[in-house]
Amino acid sequence: MSASGRPRIKERHMPERVSFSRRSLLKGTAALVAPCFVPASARGGNDWKPPSERITVGFIGVGNMGSGHLDSFLRDGQLQVVAVCDVDAAKRKRARQRVEDKYAEARRTANFKGCDEYNEFERLLERRDIDAVLIATPDHWHAIIAIAAARAGKDIYCEKPLTLTIREARDVLQAVRRYGRVFQTGSQQRSEGSFRLACELVRSGRIGKLLKVDVGVGGPSSEAYLPEQPVREGLDWNRWLGPAPWQPYNEKRCSGDYSGGWRRIRDYSGGGMTDMGAHHFDIAQWGLGMDGTNPVEIIPPEEPPLFDQIPDPDEGEGLVFKYANGVPVYHGGPDGILFTGTDGRIEVTRSHLRTWPEEIGREPLGIRDVHLYESPGHRQDWINCIRTRQRPVCDVEIGASTVTTCHLGNIAYWLGRPIRWDPERQQIIGDEKASRWLDRPKRAPWCACL
């Protein structure tokens, strides 16, 4: 990156001046009897930007989400993936091969060798030719890698949930601001029109005074006691654990399976509360107009739900978030977000946007209504902001605010008692034991990384 923060234009080195006679020039020209083919990627055609205008990207974590992002990034001619990193040798080898195969196809050449692979993310971040990184590791690695990337001058797209703890969220926010990086949190529902419209309708008063919000996501993570298994070949198990407590290898600990795996385990994740919660609570706070803040009190039920259980708030099964504006948010109900007001309801999920009565959603928004940030797509929004140095639709501050709300819910579930929170000071009020959950101890050497 240049000192101004904009993507650096790659330097072109001019050859030394050489003198030619007319005779030698004509002699050399005669050899050019066949046309010279210049691939579209070099010219910038077929939606490919010229090399000097492409944003070079390194991928850190190429498992489930990283693999999916890699496919979409490889189809985008504004970007060029130049490096991949993963602690699983087989995954990073497959990812590098996919990059090289795709670019060979795009360049209409037999092969392409322009992507390096790394086991250690630090080596990838050392490269000055990388403008930006995508982080798609398990949650317990997000903060350390994001802060290191900010220090290295990289712009960042980081998968949700932003961090494993509340204090990490604050640390990531401070690092991104200090080093002036563009940061997009991977809560991509903010870039989907139905979720934006639902929030605009609510904030424009279409359902009258907002009475409550129901958020349907799974429950918290928990401890896991798993028998030791032989570490599979090619996996750097010590580095997979990283800052997390040492545990013997078991395939379920590092499985990316959404029905289980590391997302269920408290050492690595906050469970359904932070996984889908980073999507749905994010939209709830957007609709509430509570970006950048959090609830002031969190009240849990008598029994916490399981990881894959969505509680029924009508039965008193889920916790309640109380915000300073007086609107309660309930953890529970059908998957998605349900806004209830004095004059109607709005439900939004990844499959539909419904309103009761139907007329609420039919009348177009007027000039005096609330109009929220309209993203051109989560990846494109990030790319645009890398070029303009503006903040994207799901800036780090929004990701930090949302994940803090989710973590507060988990702390209340784990301790089984109400939590009072000061959003300004980012402190739990009057509960020393609960305050210990604001962060986690980290193993050496990663304990010194934040």
Foldseek 3Di string as FASTA:
>chain_A
DDPVLAQAQDDDDDDDDDDDDPVVVVVVVVVPPDDDDFACLCVQPPQAHHPRQAAEEEEEDCPDVNVVVLVVQLNHNNYQYQEYEALFQVRRVVSQVVNFVSVCVRRVHPTGPRYYYYHDVLVVLPDPNHAAYEYDAFQACQLLSLLSNLVSSHAYEYEPLRHLFLVSLVVSVVSCVVSLHAYFYNLFVLQDPLLQVLLLLLQQQLQHAWAAKEAWWFFWAEADDDDADDDDPRGPVCVSCAFFDDDHDDPQQCDPDLVGRVLNHSSGHGARLGNCLLRAVLSVCSSVVNFLFAAQKKFAAQATGHRHDQDAVVVVHWIWGAHPVGYIYTRGDPHFMWIHHPRWIWTDDPVDIQIVVRVSPVDDDDPPTDRDDHHPGSVVQSVVCSNVSDHGSCTSSRSSNSSNNSLLRSLCNVVVGMWGADGVVRATPPDPVSRVRNDDGTDPPSNPSD
